[in-house]
Amino acid sequence: MTLDRERKKWTMDKLISAVRTYAWGSTTAIPNLVGAEPTGEPQAELWVGAHPSAPSLLVSSGMPLTEAIAADPRAALGPAVAARGGRLPYLMKVLAAAEPLSLQVHPTRAQAAAGYAREEAQGPAPDSPTRNYKDDQHKPEMILALTPFDALSGFRDPAESAQAFRWLAAEVSEPGASAAAVRVAEALENQDAAAGLREATTALLSDDPDVKRLAVLGPDRIEALILAVAAGSSAEHPGRIDAALPLLPRLARTHPGDTGVLLALLLNLVRLAPGEAMSLPAGNIHAYLEGVGVEIMANSDNVLRGGLTRKHVDVPELLKIVDFCAVTPRRVMPFDPVPGLQLYLSGFDEFDLARLTHTEAPVRLPGDGPAEVLVVDGSLTLTAEDGSQLRLERGDTAFVPASDEPVMAQGSIDVDAYIAVTDLGAYVDQTGL
């Protein structure tokens, strides 16, 4: 987005977007996307947006997108979005997980505001790694798979989890570890499901030595069983045990002895095929396990972690934020208003996502506010109302200010592009789609 001195208006611009090098990231997925040589370092996330900690830069000027928006929020965001705080309401990422991410939860807006105010007043320092609240915003999110993508999302039926822990108690011979599994199962069998889930979660994330033994011995026992079945030395078929149980050795390989591994048995296992999506509201406890996807979220970096990480863990604060209700994962089914355009409605006001493929004819970018564009294959040409154009190739990202709307997009035959927008529901209502 550059300031055209002759026309006195903001125009769309390519972005230089930051790569975050977290330990769980893939070494190849993001470099392959952007056409760079892998460095051997894990590259976990490509941030496309205007979060203060890692804003994208405008290619034409090198100016951070945060500053460009602040210079003229009405032109950049449109009057409706600018009136909601004068900031870009969403953050888009490419997420490339080679190993499981942390077990985490995001706060509601009220929880974030209270937590941020408390930490601003009492500490830790704003840049401290032990800081829970980096800003005062909530962080609902949606993930759209680019490759097969595995995740844990929300609590499943406590009765199913109780059966898994009963099975584990019978298989683990060490008395203390077996007793810990029984205690968790008994908590989950509580008639008050939410109370049972809270008790079980609290127990599994505690420093109890028997739970720690179970976190070590349980994965070992399951892995031994799986190997025995594969070798044909056991009559027991792996399909007869809970499908979540094989997750324990998988998680324990990257986080040995972490009791968060056991929490996987409480959660829904979700497998997304390419093009499938899932949204996650505040309070949803989750962990992405493996895969590459386009993630979009409210423009926040507030994360409460409970395990499966080398980063700061704050179990008491996490337990205040978690929604202890069994849920069905919220899959997002796209609809196609015109050939080559798919719309994914998140259910949240701040963001939605559109996908452009095989655009044989020009397609109008959906929405009336700001847009971020990411091209993961092929090429895409954007044409603003005044005729100005921006051509994007594979790996390119761009910001389209509201003042350029309407914008038409014309893609190559192999184009695959993702557009972050705000409040597609209003656009759908206005256009009668």
Protein backbone atom coordinates (compact mmCIF):
# COMPACT_ATOMS: atom_id res chain seq x y z
CA MET A 1 0.00 0.00 0.00
CA THR A 2 1.78 3.14 -1.20
CA LEU A 3 0.79 6.78 -1.22
CA ASP A 4 0.44 7.86 -4.84
CA ARG A 5 1.37 11.56 -4.72
CA GLU A 6 -0.44 12.40 -7.96
CA ARG A 7 -3.73 10.72 -7.19
CA LYS A 8 -3.54 11.40 -3.43
CA LYS A 9 -4.78 7.97 -2.51
CA TRP A 10 -3.52 4.76 -1.03
CA THR A 11 -2.83 1.92 -3.46
CA MET A 12 -2.32 -1.81 -3.03
CA ASP A 13 1.23 -3.00 -2.52
CA LYS A 14 3.26 -6.18 -2.12
CA LEU A 15 4.47 -7.08 1.36
CA ILE A 16 7.64 -8.43 2.91
CA SER A 17 6.30 -10.69 5.64
CA ALA A 18 8.17 -11.96 8.68
CA VAL A 19 9.09 -15.61 9.22
CA ARG A 20 9.03 -16.90 12.80
CA THR A 21 11.57 -19.62 13.60
CA TYR A 22 9.90 -21.68 16.33
CA ALA A 23 11.34 -25.10 17.17
CA TRP A 24 8.32 -27.06 15.91
CA GLY A 25 8.46 -25.61 12.41
CA SER A 26 9.24 -27.33 9.12
CA THR A 27 12.64 -26.59 7.60
CA THR A 28 11.32 -26.73 4.01
CA ALA A 29 7.61 -25.85 3.69
CA ILE A 30 7.80 -22.05 3.94
CA PRO A 31 11.06 -21.74 1.94
CA ASN A 32 9.46 -23.85 -0.82
CA LEU A 33 6.42 -21.58 -0.82
CA VAL A 34 8.33 -18.30 -1.06
CA GLY A 35 11.03 -19.62 -3.38
CA ALA A 36 13.91 -19.38 -0.91
CA GLU A 37 16.69 -21.81 -0.11
CA PRO A 38 16.11 -23.68 3.17
CA THR A 39 18.52 -22.58 5.87
CA GLY A 40 18.24 -25.75 7.94
CA GLU A 41 16.50 -23.74 10.66
CA PRO A 42 12.86 -24.54 11.50
CA GLN A 43 10.58 -21.95 9.86
CA ALA A 44 7.26 -22.26 11.62
CA GLU A 45 5.08 -19.29 10.63
CA LEU A 46 4.93 -16.62 7.95
CA TRP A 47 3.12 -13.61 9.43
CA VAL A 48 1.12 -11.52 6.95
CA GLY A 49 -0.32 -8.48 8.65
CA ALA A 50 0.04 -5.65 11.11
CA HIS A 51 0.72 -7.16 14.50
CA PRO A 52 3.07 -4.79 16.39
CA SER A 53 5.57 -7.54 17.22
CA ALA A 54 6.22 -8.51 13.57
CA PRO A 55 4.42 -6.26 11.05
CA SER A 56 4.77 -6.86 7.33
CA LEU A 57 6.69 -4.21 5.39
CA LEU A 58 5.50 -2.46 2.24
CA VAL A 59 7.77 -3.40 -0.67
CA SER A 60 7.64 0.06 -2.25
CA SER A 61 8.76 1.99 0.82
CA GLY A 62 9.90 -0.42 3.51
CA MET A 63 7.34 1.13 5.86
CA PRO A 64 5.76 -1.23 8.42
CA LEU A 65 2.13 -1.91 7.62
CA THR A 66 1.24 -0.78 11.14
CA GLU A 67 2.58 2.71 10.39
CA ALA A 68 0.99 2.90 6.95
CA ILE A 69 -2.43 2.09 8.40
CA ALA A 70 -1.98 4.53 11.28
CA ALA A 71 -1.16 7.30 8.77
CA ASP A 72 -4.58 7.03 7.10
CA PRO A 73 -6.82 4.44 8.80
CA ARG A 74 -10.00 5.40 6.94
CA ALA A 75 -8.40 4.89 3.53
CA ALA A 76 -6.60 1.72 4.59
CA LEU A 77 -9.41 0.07 6.52
CA GLY A 78 -12.60 1.75 5.36
CA PRO A 79 -14.78 3.80 7.70
CA ALA A 80 -16.56 0.86 9.34
CA VAL A 81 -13.37 -1.05 10.27
CA ALA A 82 -11.47 2.14 11.17
CA ALA A 83 -14.20 3.03 13.64
CA ARG A 84 -13.53 -0.26 15.50
CA GLY A 85 -10.19 0.85 16.89
CA GLY A 86 -8.24 2.00 13.83
CA ARG A 87 -6.25 -1.23 13.50
CA LEU A 88 -6.29 -4.16 11.09
CA PRO A 89 -8.58 -6.63 12.89
CA TYR A 90 -6.94 -9.85 11.70
CA LEU A 91 -3.59 -11.55 11.19
CA MET A 92 -3.00 -14.16 8.47
CA LYS A 93 -0.24 -16.77 8.69
CA VAL A 94 1.18 -19.73 6.86
CA LEU A 95 1.67 -22.31 9.59
CA ALA A 96 4.12 -25.17 8.89
CA ALA A 97 4.21 -27.72 11.70
CA ALA A 98 6.71 -30.58 11.53
CA GLU A 99 6.18 -31.31 15.24
CA PRO A 100 3.24 -30.73 17.60
CA LEU A 101 2.60 -27.19 18.78
CA SER A 102 1.96 -26.34 22.42
CA LEU A 103 -1.21 -27.33 24.21
CA GLN A 104 -2.89 -23.94 24.38
CA VAL A 105 -5.96 -21.79 24.78
CA HIS A 106 -6.83 -18.19 23.88
CA PRO A 107 -8.77 -15.74 26.09
CA THR A 108 -12.03 -13.93 25.44
CA ARG A 109 -11.85 -10.17 24.86
CA ALA A 110 -12.80 -9.47 28.49
CA GLN A 111 -10.26 -11.97 29.83
CA ALA A 112 -7.53 -10.52 27.60
CA ALA A 113 -8.27 -6.94 28.65
CA ALA A 114 -8.21 -7.87 32.34
CA GLY A 115 -5.04 -9.98 32.04
CA TYR A 116 -3.21 -7.36 30.00
CA ALA A 117 -4.10 -4.57 32.43
CA ARG A 118 -2.96 -6.71 35.36
CA GLU A 119 0.39 -7.54 33.78
CA GLU A 120 0.93 -3.95 32.66
CA ALA A 121 0.48 -2.84 36.26
CA GLN A 122 2.29 -5.66 38.05
CA GLY A 123 4.70 -7.20 35.51
CA PRO A 124 6.36 -9.09 34.00
CA ALA A 125 7.97 -6.67 31.55
CA PRO A 126 6.33 -6.33 28.11
CA ASP A 127 9.13 -8.28 26.39
CA SER A 128 9.46 -10.95 29.08
CA PRO A 129 9.16 -14.58 27.89
CA THR A 130 6.98 -15.24 30.96
CA ARG A 131 4.39 -12.68 29.85
CA ASN A 132 0.96 -14.28 29.26
CA TYR A 133 -0.84 -11.29 27.72
CA LYS A 134 1.00 -9.48 24.92
CA ASP A 135 -2.02 -7.29 24.11
CA ASP A 136 -5.61 -6.67 25.22
CA GLN A 137 -7.33 -8.53 22.37
CA HIS A 138 -9.00 -11.91 22.07
CA LYS A 139 -7.75 -14.47 19.57
CA PRO A 140 -10.34 -16.67 17.89
CA GLU A 141 -8.84 -18.38 14.86
CA MET A 142 -9.45 -20.56 11.81
CA ILE A 143 -7.09 -23.00 10.09
CA LEU A 144 -7.43 -24.07 6.43
CA ALA A 145 -5.32 -27.07 5.44
CA LEU A 146 -2.89 -26.86 2.51
CA THR A 147 -1.63 -30.39 3.20
CA PRO A 148 -3.13 -33.19 5.33
CA PHE A 149 -3.36 -31.54 8.75
CA ASP A 150 -3.79 -33.14 12.19
CA ALA A 151 -4.98 -31.26 15.26
CA LEU A 152 -6.51 -31.67 18.70
CA SER A 153 -9.47 -29.38 19.30
CA GLY A 154 -11.77 -29.14 22.30
CA PHE A 155 -12.86 -31.77 24.80
CA ARG A 156 -14.49 -34.92 23.49
CA ASP A 157 -17.15 -36.99 25.27
CA PRO A 158 -15.78 -37.60 28.81
CA ALA A 159 -17.10 -41.18 28.73
CA GLU A 160 -14.82 -41.98 25.77
CA SER A 161 -11.84 -40.45 27.56
CA ALA A 162 -12.66 -42.38 30.74
CA GLN A 163 -12.58 -45.65 28.77
CA ALA A 164 -9.15 -44.74 27.38
CA PHE A 165 -7.77 -44.10 30.87
CA ARG A 166 -9.34 -47.34 32.18
CA TRP A 167 -7.57 -49.19 29.37
CA LEU A 168 -4.33 -47.42 30.23
CA ALA A 169 -4.70 -48.28 33.93
CA ALA A 170 -5.01 -51.98 33.05
CA GLU A 171 -2.02 -51.94 30.70
CA VAL A 172 0.48 -50.02 32.85
CA SER A 173 1.81 -52.35 35.53
CA GLU A 174 3.51 -49.76 37.77
CA PRO A 175 1.05 -49.27 40.70
CA GLY A 176 1.41 -45.49 41.06
CA ALA A 177 0.96 -44.83 37.35
CA SER A 178 -1.99 -47.20 37.16
CA ALA A 179 -3.62 -45.51 40.15
CA ALA A 180 -3.21 -42.10 38.49
CA ALA A 181 -5.01 -43.36 35.37
CA VAL A 182 -7.85 -44.70 37.56
CA ARG A 183 -8.20 -41.34 39.34
CA VAL A 184 -8.49 -39.51 36.04
CA ALA A 185 -11.06 -42.03 34.77
CA GLU A 186 -13.12 -41.63 37.95
CA ALA A 187 -13.07 -37.85 37.58
CA LEU A 188 -14.31 -38.15 34.00
CA GLU A 189 -17.16 -40.40 35.12
CA ASN A 190 -18.54 -37.56 37.27
CA GLN A 191 -22.19 -36.85 36.43
CA ASP A 192 -21.31 -33.17 36.03
CA ALA A 193 -19.29 -33.40 32.81
CA ALA A 194 -17.74 -29.93 33.06
CA ALA A 195 -16.66 -30.51 36.65
CA GLY A 196 -15.19 -33.87 35.70
CA LEU A 197 -13.24 -32.41 32.80
CA ARG A 198 -11.90 -29.63 35.02
CA GLU A 199 -10.79 -32.14 37.68
CA ALA A 200 -9.18 -34.45 35.13
CA THR A 201 -7.38 -31.60 33.35
CA THR A 202 -6.11 -30.17 36.62
CA ALA A 203 -4.80 -33.58 37.67
CA LEU A 204 -3.05 -34.23 34.36
CA LEU A 205 -1.30 -30.85 34.36
CA SER A 206 -0.21 -31.15 37.98
CA ASP A 207 3.20 -32.03 39.40
CA ASP A 208 1.85 -35.27 40.90
CA PRO A 209 4.67 -37.86 40.69
CA ASP A 210 2.28 -40.67 39.76
CA VAL A 211 0.91 -38.65 36.85
CA LYS A 212 4.49 -38.04 35.73
CA ARG A 213 5.15 -41.79 35.87
CA LEU A 214 2.04 -42.40 33.79
CA ALA A 215 3.27 -39.83 31.24
CA VAL A 216 6.46 -41.88 30.82
CA LEU A 217 5.15 -45.44 31.11
CA GLY A 218 1.86 -45.04 29.26
CA PRO A 219 3.40 -44.05 25.88
CA ASP A 220 6.05 -46.78 26.27
CA ARG A 221 3.36 -49.44 26.86
CA ILE A 222 1.26 -48.32 23.90
CA GLU A 223 4.28 -48.22 21.59
CA ALA A 224 5.30 -51.72 22.67
CA LEU A 225 1.79 -52.97 21.92
CA ILE A 226 1.76 -51.34 18.49
CA LEU A 227 5.15 -52.88 17.64
CA ALA A 228 4.01 -56.29 18.87
CA VAL A 229 0.91 -56.15 16.70
CA ALA A 230 2.97 -55.08 13.68
CA ALA A 231 5.32 -58.02 14.26
CA GLY A 232 2.40 -60.42 14.49
CA SER A 233 3.28 -61.47 18.04
CA SER A 234 0.01 -60.28 19.55
CA ALA A 235 -3.53 -61.32 18.78
CA GLU A 236 -4.83 -57.90 19.85
CA HIS A 237 -5.67 -55.68 16.91
CA PRO A 238 -4.78 -51.98 17.27
CA GLY A 239 -8.21 -50.99 15.97
CA ARG A 240 -9.70 -52.36 19.17
CA ILE A 241 -8.09 -49.70 21.32
CA ASP A 242 -9.08 -46.05 21.47
CA ALA A 243 -7.89 -44.23 18.34
CA ALA A 244 -6.43 -41.47 20.51
CA LEU A 245 -4.07 -43.79 22.40
CA PRO A 246 -1.43 -44.02 19.62
CA LEU A 247 -1.07 -40.24 19.96
CA LEU A 248 0.73 -40.72 23.28
CA PRO A 249 3.98 -42.22 21.90
CA ARG A 250 3.83 -39.79 18.98
CA LEU A 251 3.71 -36.81 21.37
CA ALA A 252 6.12 -38.32 23.87
CA ARG A 253 8.86 -38.58 21.23
CA THR A 254 9.06 -34.77 21.05
CA HIS A 255 8.06 -34.04 24.67
CA PRO A 256 9.23 -36.98 26.82
CA GLY A 257 7.82 -36.96 30.35
CA ASP A 258 5.51 -33.99 29.67
CA THR A 259 2.15 -34.68 31.35
CA GLY A 260 0.47 -32.61 28.64
CA VAL A 261 0.93 -35.70 26.46
CA LEU A 262 -1.80 -37.41 28.50
CA LEU A 263 -4.23 -34.57 27.92
CA ALA A 264 -4.48 -35.68 24.29
CA LEU A 265 -6.81 -38.44 25.52
CA LEU A 266 -9.33 -35.80 26.60
CA LEU A 267 -9.47 -33.99 23.26
CA ASN A 268 -11.01 -34.47 19.83
CA LEU A 269 -8.59 -35.66 17.15
CA VAL A 270 -9.33 -33.75 13.93
CA ARG A 271 -7.88 -34.64 10.53
CA LEU A 272 -8.27 -32.04 7.80
CA ALA A 273 -7.73 -32.81 4.12
CA PRO A 274 -6.37 -30.03 1.86
CA GLY A 275 -9.07 -27.40 1.41
CA GLU A 276 -10.86 -28.30 4.66
CA ALA A 277 -11.04 -25.80 7.51
CA MET A 278 -11.85 -25.56 11.21
CA SER A 279 -12.55 -22.58 13.46
CA LEU A 280 -11.59 -22.35 17.12
CA PRO A 281 -13.33 -19.93 19.52
CA ALA A 282 -11.87 -18.46 22.68
CA GLY A 283 -11.60 -21.01 25.48
CA ASN A 284 -11.07 -23.94 23.11
CA ILE A 285 -8.09 -25.99 24.31
CA HIS A 286 -6.18 -27.27 21.30
CA ALA A 287 -2.87 -28.26 19.76
CA TYR A 288 -1.92 -28.45 16.11
CA LEU A 289 0.03 -31.66 15.52
CA GLU A 290 1.38 -31.71 11.97
CA GLY A 291 0.78 -30.18 8.56
CA VAL A 292 0.81 -26.93 6.60
CA GLY A 293 -2.13 -24.54 6.57
CA VAL A 294 -3.31 -20.98 6.17
CA GLU A 295 -4.26 -19.66 9.59
CA ILE A 296 -6.26 -16.50 10.20
CA MET A 297 -7.06 -15.02 13.58
CA ALA A 298 -7.94 -11.86 15.42
CA ASN A 299 -4.90 -9.56 15.49
CA SER A 300 -3.51 -10.80 18.80
CA ASP A 301 -0.66 -12.88 20.17
CA ASN A 302 -2.26 -13.93 23.46
CA VAL A 303 -1.57 -17.61 24.19
CA LEU A 304 -1.92 -19.52 27.49
CA ARG A 305 0.12 -22.74 27.36
CA GLY A 306 -0.24 -25.90 29.43
CA GLY A 307 2.39 -28.21 27.98
CA LEU A 308 4.05 -29.70 24.88
CA THR A 309 6.33 -26.69 24.62
CA ARG A 310 9.66 -25.20 25.61
CA LYS A 311 7.97 -21.82 26.05
CA HIS A 312 6.42 -20.38 29.18
CA VAL A 313 3.72 -22.57 30.76
CA ASP A 314 1.19 -21.13 33.21
CA VAL A 315 -1.22 -23.89 34.20
CA PRO A 316 -3.21 -21.87 36.81
CA GLU A 317 -3.89 -19.09 34.29
CA LEU A 318 -4.76 -21.60 31.57
CA LEU A 319 -7.29 -23.29 33.85
CA LYS A 320 -9.04 -19.92 34.33
CA ILE A 321 -9.45 -19.52 30.56
CA VAL A 322 -10.40 -23.03 29.37
CA ASP A 323 -14.01 -23.80 28.44
CA PHE A 324 -14.64 -27.16 30.15
CA CYS A 325 -17.44 -28.32 27.86
CA ALA A 326 -17.37 -31.31 25.52
CA VAL A 327 -17.75 -30.02 21.97
CA THR A 328 -17.88 -31.16 18.37
CA PRO A 329 -15.02 -29.54 16.42
CA ARG A 330 -16.28 -26.61 14.34
CA ARG A 331 -15.53 -27.55 10.74
CA VAL A 332 -16.07 -24.70 8.29
CA MET A 333 -17.74 -25.72 5.05
CA PRO A 334 -17.03 -23.34 2.14
CA PHE A 335 -19.54 -22.26 -0.44
CA ASP A 336 -18.90 -21.18 -4.02
CA PRO A 337 -20.75 -18.03 -5.11
CA VAL A 338 -19.01 -18.02 -8.51
CA PRO A 339 -16.68 -20.49 -10.27
CA GLY A 340 -13.19 -20.35 -8.79
CA LEU A 341 -14.14 -18.53 -5.58
CA GLN A 342 -14.72 -20.27 -2.24
CA LEU A 343 -15.80 -18.43 0.90
CA TYR A 344 -14.98 -19.72 4.41
CA LEU A 345 -17.06 -17.92 7.05
CA SER A 346 -15.34 -18.16 10.42
CA GLY A 347 -18.29 -17.16 12.59
CA PHE A 348 -16.28 -14.25 14.04
CA ASP A 349 -16.63 -10.54 13.23
CA GLU A 350 -12.93 -9.84 12.74
CA PHE A 351 -12.10 -12.16 9.86
CA ASP A 352 -13.15 -14.56 7.15
CA LEU A 353 -11.16 -16.24 4.40
CA ALA A 354 -11.65 -16.59 0.66
CA ARG A 355 -9.85 -18.88 -1.75
CA LEU A 356 -9.32 -18.22 -5.47
CA THR A 357 -8.64 -21.04 -7.93
CA HIS A 358 -8.87 -21.45 -11.73
CA THR A 359 -10.18 -17.92 -12.30
CA GLU A 360 -11.10 -18.24 -15.97
CA ALA A 361 -12.84 -14.85 -15.78
CA PRO A 362 -12.05 -11.91 -13.49
CA VAL A 363 -13.48 -12.30 -10.00
CA ARG A 364 -14.20 -9.45 -7.62
CA LEU A 365 -12.36 -9.73 -4.32
CA PRO A 366 -15.05 -10.27 -1.70
CA GLY A 367 -15.81 -7.73 1.00
CA ASP A 368 -15.68 -3.94 1.20
CA GLY A 369 -12.87 -3.49 3.71
CA PRO A 370 -9.13 -4.18 3.70
CA ALA A 371 -7.80 -7.43 2.26
CA GLU A 372 -4.58 -9.40 2.53
CA VAL A 373 -3.63 -11.71 -0.33
CA LEU A 374 -1.35 -14.75 -0.27
CA VAL A 375 -0.51 -16.69 -3.45
CA VAL A 376 0.61 -20.28 -2.84
CA ASP A 377 0.59 -21.41 -6.49
CA GLY A 378 0.37 -19.87 -9.95
CA SER A 379 0.00 -16.12 -10.43
CA LEU A 380 -2.68 -13.51 -9.77
CA THR A 381 -3.25 -10.02 -11.18
CA LEU A 382 -5.24 -7.53 -9.10
CA THR A 383 -6.92 -4.58 -10.84
CA ALA A 384 -8.26 -1.66 -8.80
CA GLU A 385 -11.25 0.45 -9.80
CA ASP A 386 -8.97 3.12 -11.29
CA GLY A 387 -7.21 0.57 -13.51
CA SER A 388 -3.97 0.26 -11.51
CA GLN A 389 -2.66 -3.29 -11.33
CA LEU A 390 -0.55 -5.48 -9.07
CA ARG A 391 0.81 -8.85 -10.25
CA LEU A 392 1.54 -11.51 -7.65
CA GLU A 393 3.49 -14.73 -8.13
CA ARG A 394 3.79 -17.84 -5.98
CA GLY A 395 4.90 -16.90 -2.47
CA ASP A 396 3.92 -13.23 -2.82
CA THR A 397 1.79 -11.45 -0.24
CA ALA A 398 -0.01 -8.13 -0.63
CA PHE A 399 -2.21 -5.64 1.19
CA VAL A 400 -5.25 -4.13 -0.55
CA PRO A 401 -6.61 -1.00 1.16
CA ALA A 402 -10.32 -0.41 1.35
CA SER A 403 -9.89 2.71 -0.81
CA ASP A 404 -8.98 0.50 -3.78
CA GLU A 405 -12.23 -1.46 -3.65
CA PRO A 406 -13.73 -2.88 -5.77
CA VAL A 407 -10.73 -4.94 -6.92
CA MET A 408 -10.91 -7.58 -9.64
CA ALA A 409 -8.64 -10.66 -9.57
CA GLN A 410 -7.55 -12.64 -12.62
CA GLY A 411 -5.50 -15.78 -12.03
CA SER A 412 -3.48 -18.24 -14.06
CA ILE A 413 -4.99 -21.65 -14.71
CA ASP A 414 -3.07 -23.09 -11.74
CA VAL A 415 -3.64 -20.22 -9.32
CA ASP A 416 -4.26 -20.97 -5.64
CA ALA A 417 -4.60 -17.79 -3.59
CA TYR A 418 -6.01 -16.93 -0.16
CA ILE A 419 -7.62 -13.63 0.76
CA ALA A 420 -8.09 -12.50 4.35
CA VAL A 421 -11.07 -10.17 4.75
CA THR A 422 -13.28 -8.90 7.53
CA ASP A 423 -16.97 -9.68 8.03
CA LEU A 424 -17.81 -11.62 4.87
CA GLY A 425 -21.27 -12.19 6.31
CA ALA A 426 -22.19 -8.58 5.60
CA TYR A 427 -20.80 -8.90 2.06
CA VAL A 428 -22.85 -12.04 1.49
CA ASP A 429 -26.01 -10.31 2.71
CA GLN A 430 -25.39 -7.25 0.53
CA THR A 431 -24.70 -9.21 -2.64
CA GLY A 432 -27.49 -11.74 -2.07
CA LEU A 433 -25.12 -14.71 -2.45
